[in-house]
């Protein structure tokens, strides 16, 4: 929504929300959910751009660790693409 509306405040709220949700969700409790939230945070950070891109790559890489190719090949590929998008931005 923030990207479509062009409102940086909405993007900042999204980033804050993802970070808040991640504080409440242990990786060990639900690795798939945790990886999805990390991926969403990484997407928001990539959209934010600039100084946030390094964190976006780190965040997407962490999500990738919970998405091995042999177990979830499509999510693995999506995570790889997200890392590439952050590196390219």
PDB file of N, CA and C in Angstrom:
ATOM      1  N   UNK A   1       0.819  -1.176   0.000  1.00  0.00           N
ATOM      2  CA  UNK A   1       0.000   0.000   0.000  1.00  0.00           C
ATOM      3  C   UNK A   1       0.874   1.255   0.000  1.00  0.00           C
ATOM      4  N   UNK A   2       1.912   1.270   0.814  1.00  0.00           N
ATOM      5  CA  UNK A   2       2.759   2.463   0.897  1.00  0.00           C
ATOM      6  C   UNK A   2       3.414   2.745  -0.445  1.00  0.00           C
ATOM      7  N   UNK A   3       3.851   1.702  -1.136  1.00  0.00           N
ATOM      8  CA  UNK A   3       4.496   1.899  -2.425  1.00  0.00           C
ATOM      9  C   UNK A   3       3.493   2.423  -3.444  1.00  0.00           C
ATOM     10  N   UNK A   4       2.298   1.868  -3.444  1.00  0.00           N
ATOM     11  CA  UNK A   4       1.285   2.295  -4.404  1.00  0.00           C
ATOM     12  C   UNK A   4       0.830   3.716  -4.135  1.00  0.00           C
ATOM     13  N   UNK A   5       0.718   4.071  -2.883  1.00  0.00           N
ATOM     14  CA  UNK A   5       0.232   5.400  -2.528  1.00  0.00           C
ATOM     15  C   UNK A   5       1.355   6.429  -2.488  1.00  0.00           C
ATOM     16  N   UNK A   6       2.607   5.960  -2.451  1.00  0.00           N
ATOM     17  CA  UNK A   6       3.725   6.881  -2.432  1.00  0.00           C
ATOM     18  C   UNK A   6       3.884   7.633  -1.120  1.00  0.00           C
ATOM     19  N   UNK A   7       3.351   7.078  -0.050  1.00  0.00           N
ATOM     20  CA  UNK A   7       3.418   7.741   1.254  1.00  0.00           C
ATOM     21  C   UNK A   7       4.530   7.117   2.084  1.00  0.00           C
ATOM     22  N   UNK A   8       5.657   7.821   2.256  1.00  0.00           N
ATOM     23  CA  UNK A   8       6.769   7.258   3.026  1.00  0.00           C
ATOM     24  C   UNK A   8       6.397   6.938   4.472  1.00  0.00           C
ATOM     25  N   UNK A   9       5.447   7.650   5.027  1.00  0.00           N
ATOM     26  CA  UNK A   9       5.032   7.384   6.408  1.00  0.00           C
ATOM     27  C   UNK A   9       4.392   6.005   6.523  1.00  0.00           C
ATOM     28  N   UNK A  10       3.648   5.598   5.507  1.00  0.00           N
ATOM     29  CA  UNK A  10       3.044   4.261   5.526  1.00  0.00           C
ATOM     30  C   UNK A  10       4.113   3.185   5.441  1.00  0.00           C
ATOM     31  N   UNK A  11       5.112   3.422   4.636  1.00  0.00           N
ATOM     32  CA  UNK A  11       6.218   2.466   4.521  1.00  0.00           C
ATOM     33  C   UNK A  11       6.956   2.354   5.851  1.00  0.00           C
ATOM     34  N   UNK A  12       7.196   3.475   6.504  1.00  0.00           N
ATOM     35  CA  UNK A  12       7.837   3.459   7.819  1.00  0.00           C
ATOM     36  C   UNK A  12       6.990   2.695   8.832  1.00  0.00           C
ATOM     37  N   UNK A  13       5.672   2.869   8.780  1.00  0.00           N
ATOM     38  CA  UNK A  13       4.777   2.129   9.685  1.00  0.00           C
ATOM     39  C   UNK A  13       4.832   0.636   9.407  1.00  0.00           C
ATOM     40  N   UNK A  14       4.916   0.273   8.136  1.00  0.00           N
ATOM     41  CA  UNK A  14       5.001  -1.144   7.782  1.00  0.00           C
ATOM     42  C   UNK A  14       6.281  -1.751   8.343  1.00  0.00           C
ATOM     43  N   UNK A  15       7.395  -1.057   8.179  1.00  0.00           N
ATOM     44  CA  UNK A  15       8.674  -1.542   8.700  1.00  0.00           C
ATOM     45  C   UNK A  15       8.599  -1.702  10.214  1.00  0.00           C
ATOM     46  N   UNK A  16       8.046  -0.713  10.873  1.00  0.00           N
ATOM     47  CA  UNK A  16       7.886  -0.771  12.332  1.00  0.00           C
ATOM     48  C   UNK A  16       6.992  -1.940  12.744  1.00  0.00           C
ATOM     49  N   UNK A  17       5.933  -2.178  11.989  1.00  0.00           N
ATOM     50  CA  UNK A  17       5.018  -3.284  12.297  1.00  0.00           C
ATOM     51  C   UNK A  17       5.702  -4.640  12.132  1.00  0.00           C
ATOM     52  N   UNK A  18       6.444  -4.807  11.037  1.00  0.00           N
ATOM     53  CA  UNK A  18       7.162  -6.070  10.840  1.00  0.00           C
ATOM     54  C   UNK A  18       8.171  -6.301  11.954  1.00  0.00           C
ATOM     55  N   UNK A  19       8.891  -5.270  12.325  1.00  0.00           N
ATOM     56  CA  UNK A  19       9.870  -5.411  13.408  1.00  0.00           C
ATOM     57  C   UNK A  19       9.188  -5.755  14.721  1.00  0.00           C
ATOM     58  N   UNK A  20       8.048  -5.147  14.985  1.00  0.00           N
ATOM     59  CA  UNK A  20       7.303  -5.455  16.202  1.00  0.00           C
ATOM     60  C   UNK A  20       6.804  -6.891  16.216  1.00  0.00           C
ATOM     61  N   UNK A  21       6.291  -7.339  15.085  1.00  0.00           N
ATOM     62  CA  UNK A  21       5.808  -8.723  15.002  1.00  0.00           C
ATOM     63  C   UNK A  21       6.944  -9.717  15.188  1.00  0.00           C
ATOM     64  N   UNK A  22       8.109  -9.394  14.642  1.00  0.00           N
ATOM     65  CA  UNK A  22       9.255 -10.287  14.778  1.00  0.00           C
ATOM     66  C   UNK A  22       9.739 -10.386  16.219  1.00  0.00           C
ATOM     67  N   UNK A  23       9.558  -9.328  16.995  1.00  0.00           N
ATOM     68  CA  UNK A  23       9.931  -9.374  18.411  1.00  0.00           C
ATOM     69  C   UNK A  23       9.047 -10.347  19.185  1.00  0.00           C
ATOM     70  N   UNK A  24       7.841 -10.578  18.675  1.00  0.00           N
ATOM     71  CA  UNK A  24       6.875 -11.441  19.351  1.00  0.00           C
ATOM     72  C   UNK A  24       6.862 -12.871  18.814  1.00  0.00           C
ATOM     73  N   UNK A  25       7.595 -13.120  17.761  1.00  0.00           N
ATOM     74  CA  UNK A  25       7.574 -14.438  17.113  1.00  0.00           C
ATOM     75  C   UNK A  25       8.976 -15.026  17.130  1.00  0.00           C
ATOM     76  N   UNK A  26       9.151 -16.050  17.919  1.00  0.00           N
ATOM     77  CA  UNK A  26      10.451 -16.720  17.980  1.00  0.00           C
ATOM     78  C   UNK A  26      10.660 -17.563  16.723  1.00  0.00           C
ATOM     79  N   UNK A  27      11.830 -17.468  16.183  1.00  0.00           N
ATOM     80  CA  UNK A  27      12.184 -18.253  15.004  1.00  0.00           C
ATOM     81  C   UNK A  27      11.947 -19.740  15.258  1.00  0.00           C
ATOM     82  N   UNK A  28      12.296 -20.190  16.439  1.00  0.00           N
ATOM     83  CA  UNK A  28      12.174 -21.617  16.757  1.00  0.00           C
ATOM     84  C   UNK A  28      10.723 -22.062  16.931  1.00  0.00           C
ATOM     85  N   UNK A  29       9.839 -21.146  17.258  1.00  0.00           N
ATOM     86  CA  UNK A  29       8.427 -21.509  17.461  1.00  0.00           C
ATOM     87  C   UNK A  29       7.706 -21.782  16.149  1.00  0.00           C
ATOM     88  N   UNK A  30       7.978 -20.979  15.140  1.00  0.00           N
ATOM     89  CA  UNK A  30       7.326 -21.134  13.843  1.00  0.00           C
ATOM     90  C   UNK A  30       8.264 -20.612  12.749  1.00  0.00           C
ATOM     91  N   UNK A  31       9.223 -21.454  12.348  1.00  0.00           N
ATOM     92  CA  UNK A  31      10.220 -21.008  11.381  1.00  0.00           C
ATOM     93  C   UNK A  31       9.640 -20.494  10.063  1.00  0.00           C
ATOM     94  N   UNK A  32       8.572 -21.109   9.586  1.00  0.00           N
ATOM     95  CA  UNK A  32       7.984 -20.681   8.314  1.00  0.00           C
ATOM     96  C   UNK A  32       7.357 -19.293   8.438  1.00  0.00           C
ATOM     97  N   UNK A  33       6.635 -19.061   9.509  1.00  0.00           N
ATOM     98  CA  UNK A  33       6.032 -17.745   9.738  1.00  0.00           C
ATOM     99  C   UNK A  33       7.118 -16.694   9.930  1.00  0.00           C
ATOM    100  N   UNK A  34       8.126 -17.033  10.705  1.00  0.00           N
ATOM    101  CA  UNK A  34       9.242 -16.117  10.945  1.00  0.00           C
ATOM    102  C   UNK A  34       9.906 -15.731   9.623  1.00  0.00           C
ATOM    103  N   UNK A  35      10.139 -16.725   8.769  1.00  0.00           N
ATOM    104  CA  UNK A  35      10.775 -16.455   7.476  1.00  0.00           C
ATOM    105  C   UNK A  35       9.896 -15.565   6.604  1.00  0.00           C
ATOM    106  N   UNK A  36       8.593 -15.773   6.646  1.00  0.00           N
ATOM    107  CA  UNK A  36       7.673 -14.928   5.876  1.00  0.00           C
ATOM    108  C   UNK A  36       7.716 -13.494   6.371  1.00  0.00           C
ATOM    109  N   UNK A  37       7.721 -13.316   7.684  1.00  0.00           N
ATOM    110  CA  UNK A  37       7.794 -11.958   8.232  1.00  0.00           C
ATOM    111  C   UNK A  37       9.130 -11.301   7.902  1.00  0.00           C
ATOM    112  N   UNK A  38      10.217 -12.072   7.947  1.00  0.00           N
ATOM    113  CA  UNK A  38      11.524 -11.526   7.580  1.00  0.00           C
ATOM    114  C   UNK A  38      11.532 -11.112   6.109  1.00  0.00           C
ATOM    115  N   UNK A  39      10.931 -11.927   5.274  1.00  0.00           N
ATOM    116  CA  UNK A  39      10.865 -11.606   3.856  1.00  0.00           C
ATOM    117  C   UNK A  39      10.060 -10.332   3.624  1.00  0.00           C
ATOM    118  N   UNK A  40       8.942 -10.207   4.316  1.00  0.00           N
ATOM    119  CA  UNK A  40       8.126  -8.999   4.185  1.00  0.00           C
ATOM    120  C   UNK A  40       8.884  -7.765   4.661  1.00  0.00           C
ATOM    121  N   UNK A  41       9.597  -7.894   5.766  1.00  0.00           N
ATOM    122  CA  UNK A  41      10.417  -6.789   6.257  1.00  0.00           C
ATOM    123  C   UNK A  41      11.486  -6.445   5.220  1.00  0.00           C
ATOM    124  N   UNK A  42      12.123  -7.458   4.675  1.00  0.00           N
ATOM    125  CA  UNK A  42      13.140  -7.220   3.654  1.00  0.00           C
ATOM    126  C   UNK A  42      12.584  -6.502   2.439  1.00  0.00           C
ATOM    127  N   UNK A  43      11.368  -6.876   2.027  1.00  0.00           N
ATOM    128  CA  UNK A  43      10.736  -6.194   0.888  1.00  0.00           C
ATOM    129  C   UNK A  43      10.503  -4.720   1.199  1.00  0.00           C
ATOM    130  N   UNK A  44      10.017  -4.449   2.403  1.00  0.00           N
ATOM    131  CA  UNK A  44       9.765  -3.059   2.794  1.00  0.00           C
ATOM    132  C   UNK A  44      11.077  -2.267   2.852  1.00  0.00           C
ATOM    133  N   UNK A  45      12.115  -2.887   3.383  1.00  0.00           N
ATOM    134  CA  UNK A  45      13.419  -2.218   3.455  1.00  0.00           C
ATOM    135  C   UNK A  45      13.985  -1.953   2.059  1.00  0.00           C
ATOM    136  N   UNK A  46      13.781  -2.898   1.153  1.00  0.00           N
ATOM    137  CA  UNK A  46      14.231  -2.708  -0.230  1.00  0.00           C
ATOM    138  C   UNK A  46      13.495  -1.530  -0.862  1.00  0.00           C
ATOM    139  N   UNK A  47      12.203  -1.457  -0.622  1.00  0.00           N
ATOM    140  CA  UNK A  47      11.406  -0.350  -1.151  1.00  0.00           C
ATOM    141  C   UNK A  47      11.886   0.975  -0.576  1.00  0.00           C
ATOM    142  N   UNK A  48      12.229   0.969   0.705  1.00  0.00           N
ATOM    143  CA  UNK A  48      12.737   2.186   1.354  1.00  0.00           C
ATOM    144  C   UNK A  48      14.051   2.625   0.706  1.00  0.00           C
ATOM    145  N   UNK A  49      14.892   1.643   0.360  1.00  0.00           N
ATOM    146  CA  UNK A  49      16.114   1.925  -0.384  1.00  0.00           C
ATOM    147  C   UNK A  49      17.205   2.584   0.438  1.00  0.00           C
ATOM    148  N   UNK A  50      18.194   3.108  -0.277  1.00  0.00           N
ATOM    149  CA  UNK A  50      19.294   3.844   0.345  1.00  0.00           C
ATOM    150  C   UNK A  50      20.002   3.059   1.427  1.00  0.00           C
ATOM    151  N   UNK A  51      20.094   3.661   2.582  1.00  0.00           N
ATOM    152  CA  UNK A  51      20.829   3.074   3.702  1.00  0.00           C
ATOM    153  C   UNK A  51      20.175   1.793   4.235  1.00  0.00           C
ATOM    154  N   UNK A  52      18.965   1.480   3.800  1.00  0.00           N
ATOM    155  CA  UNK A  52      18.252   0.297   4.277  1.00  0.00           C
ATOM    156  C   UNK A  52      18.549  -0.947   3.449  1.00  0.00           C
ATOM    157  N   UNK A  53      19.241  -0.798   2.343  1.00  0.00           N
ATOM    158  CA  UNK A  53      19.438  -1.932   1.440  1.00  0.00           C
ATOM    159  C   UNK A  53      20.324  -3.020   2.026  1.00  0.00           C
ATOM    160  N   UNK A  54      21.346  -2.650   2.766  1.00  0.00           N
ATOM    161  CA  UNK A  54      22.200  -3.667   3.379  1.00  0.00           C
ATOM    162  C   UNK A  54      21.389  -4.509   4.374  1.00  0.00           C
ATOM    163  N   UNK A  55      20.554  -3.856   5.160  1.00  0.00           N
ATOM    164  CA  UNK A  55      19.697  -4.584   6.099  1.00  0.00           C
ATOM    165  C   UNK A  55      18.694  -5.453   5.344  1.00  0.00           C
ATOM    166  N   UNK A  56      18.221  -4.976   4.201  1.00  0.00           N
ATOM    167  CA  UNK A  56      17.293  -5.770   3.393  1.00  0.00           C
ATOM    168  C   UNK A  56      17.952  -7.072   2.942  1.00  0.00           C
ATOM    169  N   UNK A  57      19.194  -6.990   2.478  1.00  0.00           N
ATOM    170  CA  UNK A  57      19.914  -8.196   2.050  1.00  0.00           C
ATOM    171  C   UNK A  57      20.099  -9.147   3.232  1.00  0.00           C
ATOM    172  N   UNK A  58      20.490  -8.612   4.366  1.00  0.00           N
ATOM    173  CA  UNK A  58      20.681  -9.440   5.564  1.00  0.00           C
ATOM    174  C   UNK A  58      19.372 -10.105   5.982  1.00  0.00           C
ATOM    175  N   UNK A  59      18.296  -9.359   5.930  1.00  0.00           N
ATOM    176  CA  UNK A  59      16.982  -9.875   6.323  1.00  0.00           C
ATOM    177  C   UNK A  59      16.514 -10.972   5.374  1.00  0.00           C
ATOM    178  N   UNK A  60      16.654 -10.737   4.075  1.00  0.00           N
ATOM    179  CA  UNK A  60      16.269 -11.767   3.103  1.00  0.00           C
ATOM    180  C   UNK A  60      17.161 -13.005   3.224  1.00  0.00           C
ATOM    181  N   UNK A  61      18.423 -12.808   3.536  1.00  0.00           N
ATOM    182  CA  UNK A  61      19.330 -13.945   3.708  1.00  0.00           C
ATOM    183  C   UNK A  61      18.933 -14.783   4.918  1.00  0.00           C
ATOM    184  N   UNK A  62      18.493 -14.134   5.975  1.00  0.00           N
ATOM    185  CA  UNK A  62      18.020 -14.859   7.153  1.00  0.00           C
ATOM    186  C   UNK A  62      16.769 -15.668   6.816  1.00  0.00           C
ATOM    187  N   UNK A  63      15.869 -15.075   6.048  1.00  0.00           N
ATOM    188  CA  UNK A  63      14.667 -15.806   5.626  1.00  0.00           C
ATOM    189  C   UNK A  63      15.056 -17.018   4.785  1.00  0.00           C
ATOM    190  N   UNK A  64      16.041 -16.838   3.921  1.00  0.00           N
ATOM    191  CA  UNK A  64      16.503 -17.925   3.053  1.00  0.00           C
ATOM    192  C   UNK A  64      16.989 -19.122   3.871  1.00  0.00           C
ATOM    193  N   UNK A  65      17.578 -18.866   5.016  1.00  0.00           N
ATOM    194  CA  UNK A  65      18.083 -19.955   5.862  1.00  0.00           C
ATOM    195  C   UNK A  65      16.969 -20.887   6.314  1.00  0.00           C
ATOM    196  N   UNK A  66      15.746 -20.384   6.393  1.00  0.00           N
ATOM    197  CA  UNK A  66      14.598 -21.211   6.781  1.00  0.00           C
ATOM    198  C   UNK A  66      13.833 -21.745   5.576  1.00  0.00           C
ATOM    199  N   UNK A  67      14.352 -21.488   4.393  1.00  0.00           N
ATOM    200  CA  UNK A  67      13.675 -21.901   3.162  1.00  0.00           C
ATOM    201  C   UNK A  67      14.640 -22.688   2.272  1.00  0.00           C
ATOM    202  N   UNK A  68      15.065 -23.862   2.724  1.00  0.00           N
ATOM    203  CA  UNK A  68      16.013 -24.624   1.913  1.00  0.00           C
ATOM    204  C   UNK A  68      15.387 -25.091   0.591  1.00  0.00           C
ATOM    205  N   UNK A  69      16.215 -25.115  -0.403  1.00  0.00           N
ATOM    206  CA  UNK A  69      15.768 -25.464  -1.756  1.00  0.00           C
ATOM    207  C   UNK A  69      15.088 -26.830  -1.804  1.00  0.00           C
ATOM    208  N   UNK A  70      15.631 -27.799  -1.091  1.00  0.00           N
ATOM    209  CA  UNK A  70      15.077 -29.154  -1.138  1.00  0.00           C
ATOM    210  C   UNK A  70      13.689 -29.246  -0.490  1.00  0.00           C
ATOM    211  N   UNK A  71      13.391 -28.345   0.435  1.00  0.00           N
ATOM    212  CA  UNK A  71      12.118 -28.409   1.161  1.00  0.00           C
ATOM    213  C   UNK A  71      11.041 -27.511   0.549  1.00  0.00           C
ATOM    214  N   UNK A  72      11.406 -26.297   0.186  1.00  0.00           N
ATOM    215  CA  UNK A  72      10.436 -25.338  -0.366  1.00  0.00           C
ATOM    216  C   UNK A  72      11.083 -24.606  -1.555  1.00  0.00           C
ATOM    217  N   UNK A  73      11.197 -25.296  -2.686  1.00  0.00           N
ATOM    218  CA  UNK A  73      11.941 -24.720  -3.807  1.00  0.00           C
ATOM    219  C   UNK A  73      11.394 -23.381  -4.310  1.00  0.00           C
ATOM    220  N   UNK A  74      10.088 -23.188  -4.308  1.00  0.00           N
ATOM    221  CA  UNK A  74       9.547 -21.916  -4.790  1.00  0.00           C
ATOM    222  C   UNK A  74       9.847 -20.770  -3.828  1.00  0.00           C
ATOM    223  N   UNK A  75       9.752 -21.027  -2.532  1.00  0.00           N
ATOM    224  CA  UNK A  75      10.083 -19.991  -1.555  1.00  0.00           C
ATOM    225  C   UNK A  75      11.590 -19.727  -1.545  1.00  0.00           C
ATOM    226  N   UNK A  76      12.375 -20.781  -1.745  1.00  0.00           N
ATOM    227  CA  UNK A  76      13.824 -20.607  -1.873  1.00  0.00           C
ATOM    228  C   UNK A  76      14.133 -19.676  -3.046  1.00  0.00           C
ATOM    229  N   UNK A  77      13.493 -19.941  -4.185  1.00  0.00           N
ATOM    230  CA  UNK A  77      13.718 -19.118  -5.368  1.00  0.00           C
ATOM    231  C   UNK A  77      13.256 -17.678  -5.137  1.00  0.00           C
ATOM    232  N   UNK A  78      12.121 -17.514  -4.481  1.00  0.00           N
ATOM    233  CA  UNK A  78      11.626 -16.163  -4.185  1.00  0.00           C
ATOM    234  C   UNK A  78      12.602 -15.418  -3.283  1.00  0.00           C
ATOM    235  N   UNK A  79      13.156 -16.111  -2.306  1.00  0.00           N
ATOM    236  CA  UNK A  79      14.126 -15.476  -1.412  1.00  0.00           C
ATOM    237  C   UNK A  79      15.392 -15.076  -2.171  1.00  0.00           C
ATOM    238  N   UNK A  80      15.834 -15.939  -3.070  1.00  0.00           N
ATOM    239  CA  UNK A  80      17.003 -15.613  -3.892  1.00  0.00           C
ATOM    240  C   UNK A  80      16.717 -14.367  -4.747  1.00  0.00           C
ATOM    241  N   UNK A  81      15.534 -14.327  -5.308  1.00  0.00           N
ATOM    242  CA  UNK A  81      15.148 -13.174  -6.134  1.00  0.00           C
ATOM    243  C   UNK A  81      15.103 -11.901  -5.282  1.00  0.00           C
ATOM    244  N   UNK A  82      14.564 -12.008  -4.071  1.00  0.00           N
ATOM    245  CA  UNK A  82      14.498 -10.844  -3.190  1.00  0.00           C
ATOM    246  C   UNK A  82      15.879 -10.316  -2.843  1.00  0.00           C
ATOM    247  N   UNK A  83      16.816 -11.216  -2.609  1.00  0.00           N
ATOM    248  CA  UNK A  83      18.203 -10.795  -2.335  1.00  0.00           C
ATOM    249  C   UNK A  83      18.761 -10.068  -3.559  1.00  0.00           C
ATOM    250  N   UNK A  84      18.527 -10.633  -4.727  1.00  0.00           N
ATOM    251  CA  UNK A  84      18.980  -9.989  -5.958  1.00  0.00           C
ATOM    252  C   UNK A  84      18.355  -8.613  -6.157  1.00  0.00           C
ATOM    253  N   UNK A  85      17.074  -8.492  -5.847  1.00  0.00           N
ATOM    254  CA  UNK A  85      16.403  -7.198  -5.995  1.00  0.00           C
ATOM    255  C   UNK A  85      17.012  -6.160  -5.058  1.00  0.00           C
ATOM    256  N   UNK A  86      17.307  -6.558  -3.842  1.00  0.00           N
ATOM    257  CA  UNK A  86      17.903  -5.625  -2.876  1.00  0.00           C
ATOM    258  C   UNK A  86      19.318  -5.232  -3.309  1.00  0.00           C
ATOM    259  N   UNK A  87      20.068  -6.184  -3.851  1.00  0.00           N
ATOM    260  CA  UNK A  87      21.422  -5.883  -4.310  1.00  0.00           C
ATOM    261  C   UNK A  87      21.415  -4.978  -5.547  1.00  0.00           C
ATOM    262  N   UNK A  88      20.385  -5.121  -6.324  1.00  0.00           N
ATOM    263  CA  UNK A  88      20.280  -4.371  -7.576  1.00  0.00           C
ATOM    264  C   UNK A  88      19.712  -2.956  -7.368  1.00  0.00           C
ATOM    265  N   UNK A  89      18.982  -2.767  -6.288  1.00  0.00           N
ATOM    266  CA  UNK A  89      18.284  -1.473  -6.062  1.00  0.00           C
ATOM    267  C   UNK A  89      19.274  -0.339  -5.841  1.00  0.00           C
TER     268      UNK A  89
END
